[in-house]
Amino acid sequence: MVKHQPLQVYERQLCLSCITGIYGCRWKRYQRSHDDTTKWELLWSLILLFTFCLLLVWFYFWWEAHNDYNEFNWFLYNRSGEWSDGTVPILATTAAGFTYIAFLMVLALCHIALGQQLNLHWLHKIGVTAALLTTIVGVISVNQTWGQEWDVVPISLQATGPFLHIGALAAVTALSWIVAGQVARAEKTVFQVVVVLLYLSVLLGLYIVPLYITSPCIMDPSSLKQRPDVIGHQGAPMLAPENTLWSFQRALQMNVTGLEADVAISVDGVPFLMKDHTLRRTTDVVKVFPDRQMEDASFFNWTDLQQLNAGQWFLKDDPFWTVHTLSQREKDLIANQSVCSLEQLLKLASYHNSTVAFRLRRPPPEHPCYHSWINDTLQAVQQSGIPQSLVMWTPDEHRAQVRQLAPALIQTSVEKRSPQSLHQYGISRLLLRYNQASTWEIRNFSQSNINITLYTINEPWLFSVLWCSGVSAVSSEASHILKKVPYPIWLMRPDEYCLMWVSVDLISFAIVIGIFIFQKYRMSGMRSYNPEQIMLSAAVRRSSRDLNVMKEKLIFSEVGNGVGSAEELYVDNGYDYYTNQGISQ
């Protein structure tokens, strides 16, 4: 009786072995299968896809949040009491996780393109689960401690939206090769229709997305306003310790037009510059007054404050990773900095004819100056000799009385109100965080003769977006970086942008159609191979006579125990093989 052995013979394919081996630890060729992927493995593929998308958003968030890393570290310091750069471990784990998941996604797409069964190894499943849970925990934590930072995502899309659209369209267009292959390979019409409709829906959505992309940088260049003024937030804290005299001098060297500081009141009524409620982070109070290190900074008198060093911490902690760029002379100057008073800052600004904006913190109720803090600060302004037109006055308390005593001060509010309300209280300027004013509000306030200063702007892309929006001034910790931005990073006319995205859409559509036609033509010439045909296609270098002999041996050989003759046939001819359980009689 003649028995046919259902054999499958494969050429040696190192690339395919690596793909199936790394993804599913299926290194042996006989373990490969063209069977349909199980539902369980399809579920894991969806989990992998969801994890990739979530990590992509998480990675993009932290990439754009670079503008506010110092703010994040300051939040952590207020919660823990210890200063550390919390962004380093987050960025490291995010980059590692995203790279790992993206690599698995590429392998999964390769499996689909090659028609291989998806079979994710259990170690990878543990890794995917760990990446997913870690990212979810990170999202929840940021939402609770730093929820306002999510606003950076829609703001950043104003700068990156047109280019992200092109990148996404290129990626989806490239996926058409896999989609067309699956459609051409499928035998069920329903599956083909569903896949095509789903893919075309995504593609069509990307084609019309530009209709909803808005950016202030899509404008006529002739309507671009002058470059916004740059105010040194706490001086130049990336180059010198914040709120010190040398920090403000460094900011002035970067051609800033104004200075901004945080002001507290000492126990003897001297306004001084300090952002934190305690002195532990930015001075050596632990060394000089160890018993008072947790005491509120406003309960120190000016004599005690002058004994503290306010620069050595900068050299030690290196909060912005910039100490290595400083010269030895600069390091020596930094090491000898002391706590700066408001009067010293005002005299420096007056000498350079620079505006000064300061946010005054009211002392605790038990403080001797709890009721006189406004008068004490106003007195320091008057004693400094600075022109009142250079001072942005921000406290709302007793604003009417302040206007009577110093009518030339620039009345500034740190709370967003309607233009009518601001005019009613004689306020001509707003000092807001950059996420508190939209492009429309900025232009509306500008038309109402209300100038807006937005803080804290450290990244060129954010500076460019706000410039195109028409903001009059920005407060920055990175004045040395913004100094190098003489023009918005990108600026396009509306008709130029329309031409760009329509052209990209047409090119993408033509490529997709071409790929579908090519895949259809390519698959139409392929037939389902029986074992003889598979063997013959593998033996491409054999002579036609040898092929005929091998075919006859395969078809008519009698297999004693179901394996013998076939084994001899393949061993003799140098082929690898595997056997299946079923033997047709």
Protein backbone atom coordinates (compact mmCIF):
# COMPACT_ATOMS: atom_id res chain seq x y z
CA MET A 1 0.00 0.00 0.00
CA VAL A 2 1.29 3.45 -0.91
CA LYS A 3 1.36 5.94 1.94
CA HIS A 4 1.84 9.66 1.42
CA GLN A 5 3.80 11.50 4.07
CA PRO A 6 2.55 15.13 4.47
CA LEU A 7 5.92 16.86 4.65
CA GLN A 8 6.85 20.55 4.75
CA VAL A 9 10.33 21.55 3.67
CA TYR A 10 11.73 25.01 4.31
CA GLU A 11 14.74 26.83 3.02
CA ARG A 12 17.14 28.07 5.65
CA GLN A 13 15.88 31.57 6.54
CA LEU A 14 17.94 33.22 9.25
CA CYS A 15 15.85 36.40 9.33
CA LEU A 16 12.59 34.50 9.80
CA SER A 17 14.14 32.33 12.49
CA CYS A 18 15.26 35.44 14.41
CA ILE A 19 11.83 37.07 14.15
CA THR A 20 9.91 34.01 15.39
CA GLY A 21 12.59 33.21 17.94
CA ILE A 22 12.80 36.63 19.57
CA TYR A 23 9.02 37.14 19.60
CA GLY A 24 7.86 33.69 20.64
CA CYS A 25 11.05 31.73 21.36
CA ARG A 26 10.21 29.49 18.38
CA TRP A 27 13.72 29.04 17.05
CA LYS A 28 13.20 25.62 15.39
CA ARG A 29 11.73 25.71 11.91
CA TYR A 30 9.37 22.79 12.54
CA GLN A 31 7.67 24.84 15.27
CA ARG A 32 6.53 27.49 12.84
CA SER A 33 2.92 27.45 11.86
CA HIS A 34 0.77 29.15 9.29
CA ASP A 35 -2.38 28.31 11.22
CA ASP A 36 -4.64 31.09 12.40
CA THR A 37 -3.61 32.87 15.58
CA THR A 38 -5.60 31.71 18.60
CA LYS A 39 -8.06 34.04 20.28
CA TRP A 40 -5.89 34.13 23.40
CA GLU A 41 -2.90 35.32 21.39
CA LEU A 42 -5.09 37.84 19.57
CA LEU A 43 -6.03 39.25 22.98
CA TRP A 44 -2.37 39.61 23.90
CA SER A 45 -1.76 41.34 20.57
CA LEU A 46 -4.46 43.87 21.45
CA ILE A 47 -2.92 44.35 24.90
CA LEU A 48 0.45 44.94 23.23
CA LEU A 49 -1.11 47.49 20.87
CA PHE A 50 -2.85 49.31 23.72
CA THR A 51 0.37 49.38 25.75
CA PHE A 52 2.25 50.79 22.78
CA CYS A 53 -0.32 53.57 22.27
CA LEU A 54 -0.37 54.44 25.97
CA LEU A 55 3.42 54.53 26.16
CA LEU A 56 3.53 56.66 23.02
CA VAL A 57 1.29 59.27 24.66
CA TRP A 58 3.25 59.01 27.94
CA PHE A 59 6.55 59.43 26.13
CA TYR A 60 5.23 62.41 24.16
CA PHE A 61 3.94 64.00 27.36
CA TRP A 62 7.30 63.82 29.10
CA TRP A 63 9.12 64.97 25.98
CA GLU A 64 7.04 68.13 25.80
CA ALA A 65 6.99 68.61 29.59
CA HIS A 66 10.74 69.29 29.44
CA ASN A 67 9.78 72.95 29.71
CA ASP A 68 8.62 72.37 33.29
CA TYR A 69 11.04 69.80 34.71
CA ASN A 70 12.22 72.23 37.38
CA GLU A 71 8.63 72.87 38.42
CA PHE A 72 8.05 69.13 38.77
CA ASN A 73 11.16 68.72 40.92
CA TRP A 74 10.03 71.61 43.10
CA PHE A 75 6.66 69.91 43.63
CA LEU A 76 8.46 66.74 44.69
CA TYR A 77 10.64 68.74 47.07
CA ASN A 78 7.61 70.29 48.76
CA ARG A 79 6.18 66.82 49.30
CA SER A 80 9.31 64.98 50.41
CA GLY A 81 11.50 67.72 51.83
CA GLU A 82 14.51 66.41 49.87
CA TRP A 83 15.76 67.84 46.60
CA SER A 84 16.37 65.42 43.76
CA ASP A 85 15.87 65.35 40.02
CA GLY A 86 12.80 63.13 39.81
CA THR A 87 12.65 63.38 36.02
CA VAL A 88 15.76 61.21 35.50
CA PRO A 89 14.29 57.86 36.63
CA ILE A 90 10.98 58.64 34.93
CA LEU A 91 12.65 59.45 31.62
CA ALA A 92 14.96 56.43 31.84
CA THR A 93 12.14 53.95 32.51
CA THR A 94 9.89 55.58 29.92
CA ALA A 95 12.56 55.42 27.21
CA ALA A 96 13.44 51.81 28.05
CA GLY A 97 9.80 50.69 28.18
CA PHE A 98 8.85 52.47 24.98
CA THR A 99 11.83 51.03 23.11
CA TYR A 100 11.00 47.51 24.30
CA ILE A 101 7.30 47.69 23.45
CA ALA A 102 7.98 49.35 20.09
CA PHE A 103 10.40 46.53 19.27
CA LEU A 104 7.75 43.92 20.06
CA MET A 105 5.25 45.81 17.90
CA VAL A 106 7.66 45.71 14.96
CA LEU A 107 8.14 41.96 15.44
CA ALA A 108 4.37 41.44 15.59
CA LEU A 109 3.91 43.35 12.34
CA CYS A 110 6.64 41.26 10.75
CA HIS A 111 4.78 38.09 11.81
CA ILE A 112 1.59 39.38 10.22
CA ALA A 113 3.38 40.42 7.03
CA LEU A 114 5.00 36.98 6.70
CA GLY A 115 1.80 35.13 7.51
CA GLN A 116 3.22 33.64 10.70
CA GLN A 117 1.14 32.69 13.70
CA LEU A 118 1.38 35.19 16.58
CA ASN A 119 2.64 33.45 19.68
CA LEU A 120 4.08 35.92 22.22
CA HIS A 121 6.44 34.25 24.67
CA TRP A 122 5.41 34.28 28.34
CA LEU A 123 8.46 36.35 29.32
CA HIS A 124 7.36 39.05 26.89
CA LYS A 125 3.84 38.85 28.29
CA ILE A 126 5.25 39.59 31.74
CA GLY A 127 7.24 42.48 30.29
CA VAL A 128 4.20 43.92 28.50
CA THR A 129 2.10 43.63 31.66
CA ALA A 130 4.81 45.36 33.73
CA ALA A 131 5.10 48.19 31.19
CA LEU A 132 1.33 48.63 31.07
CA LEU A 133 0.85 48.69 34.85
CA THR A 134 3.85 50.99 35.39
CA THR A 135 2.55 53.47 32.83
CA ILE A 136 -0.95 53.45 34.31
CA VAL A 137 0.48 54.09 37.79
CA GLY A 138 2.58 56.93 36.38
CA VAL A 139 -0.40 58.53 34.67
CA ILE A 140 -2.47 58.37 37.86
CA SER A 141 0.38 59.79 39.96
CA VAL A 142 0.99 62.72 37.62
CA ASN A 143 -2.72 63.39 37.44
CA GLN A 144 -2.86 63.71 41.23
CA THR A 145 0.33 65.68 41.87
CA TRP A 146 0.82 67.64 38.65
CA GLY A 147 -2.52 67.62 36.92
CA GLN A 148 -2.14 71.06 35.37
CA GLU A 149 0.76 69.82 33.27
CA TRP A 150 -1.55 67.82 31.00
CA ASP A 151 -2.38 71.15 29.38
CA VAL A 152 1.03 71.01 27.72
CA VAL A 153 -0.24 68.32 25.34
CA PRO A 154 -2.85 70.40 23.44
CA ILE A 155 -0.52 73.41 23.54
CA SER A 156 2.36 71.42 22.10
CA LEU A 157 0.13 70.08 19.34
CA GLN A 158 -0.09 73.64 18.05
CA ALA A 159 3.64 73.38 17.35
CA THR A 160 3.89 69.72 16.36
CA GLY A 161 0.41 68.95 14.95
CA PRO A 162 1.16 69.49 11.23
CA PHE A 163 4.30 67.37 11.42
CA LEU A 164 2.77 64.64 13.58
CA HIS A 165 0.02 64.40 10.96
CA ILE A 166 2.58 63.77 8.22
CA GLY A 167 4.38 61.19 10.34
CA ALA A 168 1.16 59.36 11.24
CA LEU A 169 0.05 59.38 7.61
CA ALA A 170 3.39 57.94 6.51
CA ALA A 171 3.13 55.16 9.11
CA VAL A 172 -0.44 54.21 8.15
CA THR A 173 0.47 54.34 4.46
CA ALA A 174 3.34 51.94 5.11
CA LEU A 175 0.93 49.60 6.91
CA SER A 176 -1.04 49.28 3.69
CA TRP A 177 1.50 46.66 2.56
CA ILE A 178 0.52 44.41 5.45
CA VAL A 179 -3.19 45.17 5.15
CA ALA A 180 -3.22 44.51 1.40
CA GLY A 181 -1.33 41.26 1.93
CA GLN A 182 -3.84 40.07 4.52
CA VAL A 183 -6.78 40.98 2.30
CA ALA A 184 -5.28 39.22 -0.73
CA ARG A 185 -4.37 36.16 1.35
CA ALA A 186 -7.76 35.85 3.10
CA GLU A 187 -10.37 33.42 1.80
CA LYS A 188 -13.42 34.88 3.55
CA THR A 189 -15.07 37.84 1.83
CA VAL A 190 -16.48 39.17 5.09
CA PHE A 191 -12.99 39.37 6.60
CA GLN A 192 -11.68 41.17 3.52
CA VAL A 193 -14.48 43.74 3.62
CA VAL A 194 -14.11 44.40 7.34
CA VAL A 195 -10.33 44.87 7.14
CA VAL A 196 -10.55 47.15 4.10
CA LEU A 197 -13.31 49.30 5.62
CA LEU A 198 -11.47 49.59 8.93
CA TYR A 199 -8.22 50.58 7.25
CA LEU A 200 -9.87 53.05 4.90
CA SER A 201 -11.71 54.64 7.82
CA VAL A 202 -8.43 55.27 9.64
CA LEU A 203 -6.85 56.56 6.44
CA LEU A 204 -9.77 58.85 5.66
CA GLY A 205 -9.69 60.18 9.22
CA LEU A 206 -6.03 61.10 8.81
CA TYR A 207 -6.77 62.74 5.47
CA ILE A 208 -9.27 65.16 7.03
CA VAL A 209 -7.48 65.72 10.36
CA PRO A 210 -5.80 68.93 9.09
CA LEU A 211 -9.23 70.52 8.95
CA TYR A 212 -9.19 70.44 12.75
CA ILE A 213 -5.52 71.32 13.28
CA THR A 214 -5.18 74.89 14.49
CA SER A 215 -1.93 76.66 15.18
CA PRO A 216 -1.15 80.35 15.61
CA CYS A 217 1.95 79.76 13.49
CA ILE A 218 -0.25 79.11 10.44
CA MET A 219 -0.58 82.78 9.58
CA ASP A 220 0.52 85.50 7.22
CA PRO A 221 4.09 86.41 8.23
CA SER A 222 3.31 90.08 7.67
CA SER A 223 0.91 90.02 10.62
CA LEU A 224 3.52 88.63 13.02
CA LYS A 225 4.03 90.95 15.97
CA GLN A 226 7.38 92.00 17.34
CA ARG A 227 9.42 89.56 19.38
CA PRO A 228 8.05 89.18 22.94
CA ASP A 229 10.09 90.68 25.73
CA VAL A 230 11.94 88.12 27.85
CA ILE A 231 11.89 88.49 31.63
CA GLY A 232 14.41 86.59 33.72
CA HIS A 233 12.38 84.37 36.08
CA GLN A 234 14.39 84.31 39.31
CA GLY A 235 17.23 85.72 37.23
CA ALA A 236 19.01 83.07 35.20
CA PRO A 237 18.58 80.01 37.48
CA MET A 238 20.11 77.65 34.93
CA LEU A 239 23.38 79.58 35.05
CA ALA A 240 23.43 80.79 38.67
CA PRO A 241 21.56 80.11 41.93
CA GLU A 242 18.00 81.43 41.77
CA ASN A 243 17.02 84.76 43.31
CA THR A 244 20.63 85.82 43.91
CA LEU A 245 22.26 89.02 42.71
CA TRP A 246 24.63 87.14 40.40
CA SER A 247 21.67 85.28 38.87
CA PHE A 248 19.99 88.56 37.90
CA GLN A 249 23.26 89.93 36.56
CA ARG A 250 23.62 86.83 34.37
CA ALA A 251 20.07 87.32 33.11
CA LEU A 252 20.85 90.92 32.17
CA GLN A 253 23.86 89.65 30.23
CA MET A 254 21.38 87.60 28.17
CA ASN A 255 19.62 90.83 27.06
CA VAL A 256 16.45 90.32 29.09
CA THR A 257 14.15 93.33 29.34
CA GLY A 258 12.92 92.56 32.85
CA LEU A 259 13.47 90.56 36.02
CA GLU A 260 11.05 88.50 38.09
CA ALA A 261 11.45 87.33 41.69
CA ASP A 262 9.61 85.83 44.66
CA VAL A 263 9.56 88.05 47.76
CA ALA A 264 9.11 87.27 51.44
CA ILE A 265 9.23 89.59 54.48
CA SER A 266 11.77 89.09 57.27
CA VAL A 267 10.78 89.34 60.92
CA ASP A 268 12.20 92.88 61.07
CA GLY A 269 10.32 94.04 57.97
CA VAL A 270 12.95 93.64 55.22
CA PRO A 271 11.61 92.23 51.94
CA PHE A 272 14.01 89.57 50.59
CA LEU A 273 14.04 87.13 47.69
CA MET A 274 13.04 83.55 48.48
CA LYS A 275 10.75 81.10 46.71
CA ASP A 276 10.56 78.33 49.33
CA HIS A 277 8.87 78.62 52.70
CA THR A 278 12.04 77.33 54.36
CA LEU A 279 15.73 78.00 53.75
CA ARG A 280 16.88 74.35 53.54
CA ARG A 281 17.03 73.97 49.77
CA THR A 282 18.79 77.17 48.69
CA THR A 283 20.98 78.08 51.68
CA ASP A 284 23.29 76.46 54.23
CA VAL A 285 20.85 77.03 57.09
CA VAL A 286 21.38 73.42 58.19
CA LYS A 287 25.01 74.28 58.92
CA VAL A 288 24.59 77.79 60.35
CA PHE A 289 21.29 77.42 62.22
CA PRO A 290 20.70 73.66 62.55
CA ASP A 291 17.94 74.11 65.12
CA ARG A 292 15.98 76.44 62.80
CA GLN A 293 16.25 74.60 59.50
CA MET A 294 12.50 73.79 59.39
CA GLU A 295 11.45 77.28 60.47
CA ASP A 296 9.61 79.54 58.06
CA ALA A 297 12.05 81.80 56.22
CA SER A 298 10.07 84.91 57.17
CA PHE A 299 10.84 84.35 60.87
CA PHE A 300 14.53 85.11 60.32
CA ASN A 301 15.74 88.68 60.71
CA TRP A 302 17.82 90.32 58.05
CA THR A 303 21.02 90.03 60.06
CA ASP A 304 20.61 86.25 60.31
CA LEU A 305 19.76 85.96 56.64
CA GLN A 306 22.94 87.75 55.62
CA GLN A 307 24.99 85.07 57.40
CA LEU A 308 23.71 82.37 55.05
CA ASN A 309 25.37 81.23 51.86
CA ALA A 310 22.93 81.03 48.94
CA GLY A 311 25.22 79.68 46.24
CA GLN A 312 27.03 76.56 47.37
CA TRP A 313 23.87 74.44 47.07
CA PHE A 314 23.81 75.21 43.34
CA LEU A 315 27.30 73.84 42.80
CA LYS A 316 26.47 70.77 44.88
CA ASP A 317 23.01 69.84 43.56
CA ASP A 318 23.50 71.08 39.98
CA PRO A 319 19.71 71.36 39.48
CA PHE A 320 19.90 72.03 35.74
CA TRP A 321 23.00 69.94 34.89
CA THR A 322 24.83 73.11 33.83
CA VAL A 323 27.62 73.47 36.39
CA HIS A 324 30.12 71.76 34.07
CA THR A 325 29.63 74.59 31.54
CA LEU A 326 30.71 77.29 34.02
CA SER A 327 34.18 78.75 34.26
CA GLN A 328 36.17 78.67 37.48
CA ARG A 329 35.57 82.38 37.96
CA GLU A 330 31.83 81.88 37.69
CA LYS A 331 31.96 79.02 40.17
CA ASP A 332 33.86 81.22 42.64
CA LEU A 333 31.26 83.98 42.30
CA ILE A 334 28.43 81.49 42.80
CA ALA A 335 30.05 80.02 45.92
CA ASN A 336 30.01 83.45 47.60
CA GLN A 337 26.40 84.44 46.91
CA SER A 338 24.17 85.51 49.80
CA VAL A 339 20.45 86.09 50.25
CA CYS A 340 19.38 89.08 48.13
CA SER A 341 17.04 91.78 49.34
CA LEU A 342 14.31 93.32 47.21
CA GLU A 343 15.97 96.70 47.46
CA GLN A 344 19.21 95.31 45.99
CA LEU A 345 17.30 93.84 43.07
CA LEU A 346 15.44 97.11 42.41
CA LYS A 347 18.66 99.13 42.41
CA LEU A 348 20.21 96.70 39.91
CA ALA A 349 17.14 96.92 37.66
CA SER A 350 17.09 100.71 37.92
CA TYR A 351 20.73 100.88 36.82
CA HIS A 352 19.97 98.77 33.73
CA ASN A 353 16.54 100.38 33.12
CA SER A 354 14.82 96.97 33.37
CA THR A 355 11.31 96.24 34.58
CA VAL A 356 10.82 94.22 37.76
CA ALA A 357 7.94 91.87 38.51
CA PHE A 358 7.72 90.27 41.92
CA ARG A 359 5.18 88.09 43.64
CA LEU A 360 4.90 88.93 47.30
CA ARG A 361 4.16 86.18 49.83
CA ARG A 362 2.23 87.29 52.89
CA PRO A 363 3.85 86.16 56.19
CA PRO A 364 2.02 83.87 58.66
CA PRO A 365 -0.58 85.44 61.00
CA GLU A 366 1.78 85.36 63.99
CA HIS A 367 4.40 87.32 62.07
CA PRO A 368 5.04 90.92 63.26
CA CYS A 369 4.56 92.22 59.70
CA TYR A 370 1.36 90.30 58.98
CA HIS A 371 -0.64 93.54 58.70
CA SER A 372 2.11 95.86 57.45
CA TRP A 373 3.57 93.66 54.68
CA ILE A 374 2.17 95.82 51.86
CA ASN A 375 3.53 99.04 53.37
CA ASP A 376 6.90 97.44 54.10
CA THR A 377 7.25 96.31 50.51
CA LEU A 378 6.09 99.63 49.08
CA GLN A 379 8.56 101.43 51.29
CA ALA A 380 11.41 99.27 49.95
CA VAL A 381 10.35 100.14 46.40
CA GLN A 382 10.40 103.86 47.18
CA GLN A 383 13.75 103.69 49.00
CA SER A 384 15.46 101.92 46.12
CA GLY A 385 15.00 104.95 43.86
CA ILE A 386 13.76 102.90 40.91
CA PRO A 387 11.28 104.68 38.61
CA GLN A 388 7.80 103.48 39.48
CA SER A 389 7.05 102.85 35.80
CA LEU A 390 9.52 99.95 35.90
CA VAL A 391 7.81 98.06 38.75
CA MET A 392 5.01 95.57 38.14
CA TRP A 393 2.93 95.56 41.35
CA THR A 394 1.09 92.25 41.79
CA PRO A 395 -0.54 92.09 45.30
CA ASP A 396 -4.31 92.67 45.15
CA GLU A 397 -4.53 93.72 48.82
CA HIS A 398 -4.91 97.46 49.33
CA ARG A 399 -4.41 98.07 45.61
CA ALA A 400 -6.41 101.32 45.73
CA GLN A 401 -4.25 102.64 48.55
CA VAL A 402 -1.08 101.65 46.68
CA ARG A 403 -2.26 103.54 43.58
CA GLN A 404 -2.67 106.66 45.67
CA LEU A 405 0.82 106.42 47.21
CA ALA A 406 2.57 105.24 44.01
CA PRO A 407 0.33 106.01 41.01
CA ALA A 408 2.99 105.19 38.39
CA LEU A 409 3.40 101.55 39.35
CA ILE A 410 2.36 99.03 36.69
CA GLN A 411 -0.69 97.45 38.27
CA THR A 412 -0.48 93.73 37.49
CA SER A 413 -2.79 90.88 38.37
CA VAL A 414 -1.82 87.23 38.79
CA GLU A 415 -5.46 86.14 38.43
CA LYS A 416 -7.21 85.95 35.07
CA ARG A 417 -10.20 88.26 34.87
CA SER A 418 -12.27 89.82 32.13
CA PRO A 419 -10.83 92.92 30.41
CA GLN A 420 -13.72 94.97 31.80
CA SER A 421 -12.94 93.92 35.37
CA LEU A 422 -9.25 94.63 34.92
CA HIS A 423 -9.92 98.13 33.59
CA GLN A 424 -12.29 98.75 36.47
CA TYR A 425 -9.50 98.15 38.99
CA GLY A 426 -6.92 100.02 36.95
CA ILE A 427 -4.96 96.88 36.03
CA SER A 428 -3.04 97.06 32.76
CA ARG A 429 -1.07 93.80 32.82
CA LEU A 430 -1.57 90.10 33.57
CA LEU A 431 1.06 87.69 34.89
CA LEU A 432 -0.20 84.14 34.23
CA ARG A 433 1.06 80.61 33.73
CA TYR A 434 1.25 79.79 30.04
CA ASN A 435 -1.63 77.28 30.22
CA GLN A 436 -4.03 79.89 31.62
CA ALA A 437 -4.43 81.89 28.42
CA SER A 438 -5.45 80.57 25.01
CA THR A 439 -4.50 82.17 21.71
CA TRP A 440 -7.94 83.72 21.44
CA GLU A 441 -7.73 85.17 24.96
CA ILE A 442 -4.26 86.57 24.33
CA ARG A 443 -5.48 88.41 21.25
CA ASN A 444 -8.64 89.53 23.03
CA PHE A 445 -6.64 91.01 25.92
CA SER A 446 -4.25 92.63 23.48
CA GLN A 447 -7.13 94.34 21.68
CA SER A 448 -8.33 95.59 25.09
CA ASN A 449 -4.88 97.14 25.81
CA ILE A 450 -4.08 94.50 28.46
CA ASN A 451 -0.54 93.20 28.13
CA ILE A 452 0.06 89.58 29.12
CA THR A 453 3.24 88.11 30.55
CA LEU A 454 3.27 84.30 30.60
CA TYR A 455 5.57 82.10 32.70
CA THR A 456 7.60 79.91 32.69
CA ILE A 457 8.78 79.64 29.06
CA ASN A 458 11.99 77.67 28.59
CA GLU A 459 11.56 75.79 25.31
CA PRO A 460 11.95 77.43 21.86
CA TRP A 461 8.84 75.67 20.51
CA LEU A 462 6.66 77.14 23.27
CA PHE A 463 8.24 80.55 22.84
CA SER A 464 7.49 80.38 19.10
CA VAL A 465 3.84 79.43 19.62
CA LEU A 466 3.30 82.28 22.08
CA TRP A 467 5.11 84.70 19.79
CA CYS A 468 2.74 83.78 16.95
CA SER A 469 -0.17 84.16 19.39
CA GLY A 470 0.80 87.79 19.98
CA VAL A 471 1.89 87.64 23.64
CA SER A 472 3.76 90.78 24.71
CA ALA A 473 6.26 89.21 27.16
CA VAL A 474 7.34 85.89 28.61
CA SER A 475 9.08 84.99 31.85
CA SER A 476 11.86 82.43 31.41
CA GLU A 477 14.42 80.45 33.39
CA ALA A 478 16.33 79.85 30.14
CA SER A 479 16.95 83.34 28.80
CA HIS A 480 20.26 82.11 27.34
CA ILE A 481 18.31 79.62 25.20
CA LEU A 482 15.55 82.00 24.07
CA LYS A 483 18.24 84.51 23.16
CA LYS A 484 19.08 82.17 20.26
CA VAL A 485 15.52 82.30 18.86
CA PRO A 486 15.35 85.45 16.70
CA TYR A 487 12.34 84.15 14.74
CA PRO A 488 9.60 81.53 15.26
CA ILE A 489 10.84 78.00 14.60
CA TRP A 490 8.31 77.62 11.80
CA LEU A 491 5.76 79.87 10.17
CA MET A 492 3.50 78.99 7.22
CA ARG A 493 0.87 80.83 5.30
CA PRO A 494 -2.56 79.14 5.36
CA ASP A 495 -2.44 78.48 1.61
CA GLU A 496 1.03 76.93 1.91
CA TYR A 497 -0.15 74.61 4.66
CA CYS A 498 -3.26 73.66 2.68
CA LEU A 499 -1.13 72.83 -0.36
CA MET A 500 1.23 70.77 1.80
CA TRP A 501 -1.36 68.52 3.43
CA VAL A 502 -3.44 68.07 0.27
CA SER A 503 -0.30 67.02 -1.61
CA VAL A 504 0.67 64.59 1.14
CA ASP A 505 -2.84 63.10 1.14
CA LEU A 506 -2.82 62.60 -2.63
CA ILE A 507 0.62 60.99 -2.59
CA SER A 508 -0.45 58.70 0.25
CA PHE A 509 -3.65 57.68 -1.56
CA ALA A 510 -1.75 56.91 -4.77
CA ILE A 511 0.78 54.77 -2.86
CA VAL A 512 -1.98 52.85 -1.06
CA ILE A 513 -3.84 52.12 -4.29
CA GLY A 514 -0.63 51.02 -5.96
CA ILE A 515 0.27 48.70 -3.08
CA PHE A 516 -3.20 47.08 -3.05
CA ILE A 517 -3.02 46.46 -6.79
CA PHE A 518 0.50 45.06 -6.58
CA GLN A 519 -0.37 42.77 -3.66
CA LYS A 520 -3.46 41.53 -5.48
CA TYR A 521 -1.40 40.76 -8.58
CA ARG A 522 1.37 39.20 -6.49
CA MET A 523 -0.97 36.92 -4.54
CA SER A 524 -3.01 35.91 -7.57
CA GLY A 525 0.00 34.03 -8.97
CA MET A 526 0.43 31.98 -5.84
CA ARG A 527 -1.32 28.69 -5.29
CA SER A 528 -1.60 26.59 -2.23
CA TYR A 529 1.36 24.21 -2.46
CA ASN A 530 1.15 20.53 -1.71
CA PRO A 531 4.21 18.83 -0.20
CA GLU A 532 5.65 17.97 -3.60
CA GLN A 533 5.44 21.56 -4.78
CA ILE A 534 6.92 22.88 -1.54
CA MET A 535 9.81 20.47 -1.92
CA LEU A 536 10.32 21.39 -5.54
CA SER A 537 10.26 25.11 -4.82
CA ALA A 538 12.87 24.56 -2.13
CA ALA A 539 15.16 22.75 -4.54
CA VAL A 540 15.59 25.68 -6.89
CA ARG A 541 19.21 24.81 -7.61
CA ARG A 542 18.59 21.20 -8.65
CA SER A 543 18.57 20.15 -12.26
CA SER A 544 15.21 19.34 -13.84
CA ARG A 545 16.18 15.66 -14.09
CA ASP A 546 16.93 15.51 -10.34
CA LEU A 547 13.63 17.21 -9.62
CA ASN A 548 11.69 14.65 -11.58
CA VAL A 549 13.47 11.81 -9.83
CA MET A 550 12.80 13.32 -6.41
CA LYS A 551 9.14 13.84 -7.26
CA GLU A 552 8.73 10.22 -8.29
CA LYS A 553 10.46 9.01 -5.13
CA LEU A 554 8.22 11.19 -2.98
CA ILE A 555 4.97 10.11 -4.59
CA PHE A 556 5.60 6.39 -5.09
CA SER A 557 7.94 5.47 -2.27
CA GLU A 558 6.55 2.93 0.13
CA VAL A 559 7.05 3.92 3.71
CA GLY A 560 7.55 0.88 5.93
CA ASN A 561 6.73 2.46 9.31
CA GLY A 562 5.39 5.73 8.06
CA VAL A 563 8.72 7.59 8.28
CA GLY A 564 11.58 5.48 6.95
CA SER A 565 11.72 6.10 3.21
CA ALA A 566 10.84 9.75 3.52
CA GLU A 567 13.62 10.25 6.02
CA GLU A 568 16.09 8.61 3.71
CA LEU A 569 14.87 10.67 0.80
CA TYR A 570 15.33 13.97 2.59
CA VAL A 571 18.59 13.06 4.27
CA ASP A 572 20.04 11.91 0.99
CA ASN A 573 19.15 15.18 -0.68
CA GLY A 574 20.20 17.47 2.16
CA TYR A 575 16.77 18.75 3.27
CA ASP A 576 15.34 19.45 6.72
CA TYR A 577 11.88 18.13 7.47
CA TYR A 578 9.27 17.39 10.10
CA THR A 579 6.45 14.91 10.25
CA ASN A 580 2.81 15.24 11.22
CA GLN A 581 0.79 12.69 13.16
CA GLY A 582 -1.83 11.99 10.55
CA ILE A 583 -1.01 9.51 7.73
CA SER A 584 -3.46 9.13 4.93
CA GLN A 585 -3.91 5.65 3.61
